[in-house]
C-alpha cells in the first residue's frame, strides 16, 4: 500500500512538471525580431494602407525611394507610422496630399511629425480648414519641401519610375 502511495505521488509530481513545461513552452515570450532594412528586391512595390474612410498608398521604388499618398485622419496617421516602422522605413521621399480634407491629410501631419519627409506634393486645391493649416505649419517646422501640383507635372523617382499629375 505504501508503494502505491509513493508511486501515485511521483506520478502527480511528474504530471505537474510536464504541465509546467508545456505551459512555459506555449506561453514563452520571445524578443521581437530585429528589423531588417527594407528591401525592394529590385521591384516596384505598392501597398494599400487601411486609413479608415480615406485611401492610403505606399509606393516603394526598385531603388528604395518611398512615396506615401494620403494617410487618413490623425488616428490613422499613427497606424501608418507604425506600419512604416515595422517595414523599417524611417523616411519618406515624397508625401502626396490628394486633396486637403482632414480624412486624407491629418495622418500626413502625424507622419511628418514622426518621420523624415523630404517633400510634400500638395494638390493645389484651395480649401481653408484648421487641419490644413496645421499640416502647413508642420511642413514649415520640419523643413519639408512644399510642392504645389500642376497638371502635367512629372516627378522622377528612380529606376524609370515617375509620377504624373493628370489634373
Foldseek 3Di string as FASTA:
>chain_A
DVVVVVVVVVVVVVVVVVVVVVVCVVPPDDPDDDADAQAPVQAWDKDWACQDPDTWIWIAHNVGAIEIEFQFAQVSLVVVLVVCVSSVNQEHAEYEQCAPDRRGCNSVLSSLVRGHYAAYEYQQDDDDDPSSVSSVVSCVVSVHHYHYADAQDKDDDDPRDIDGHHD
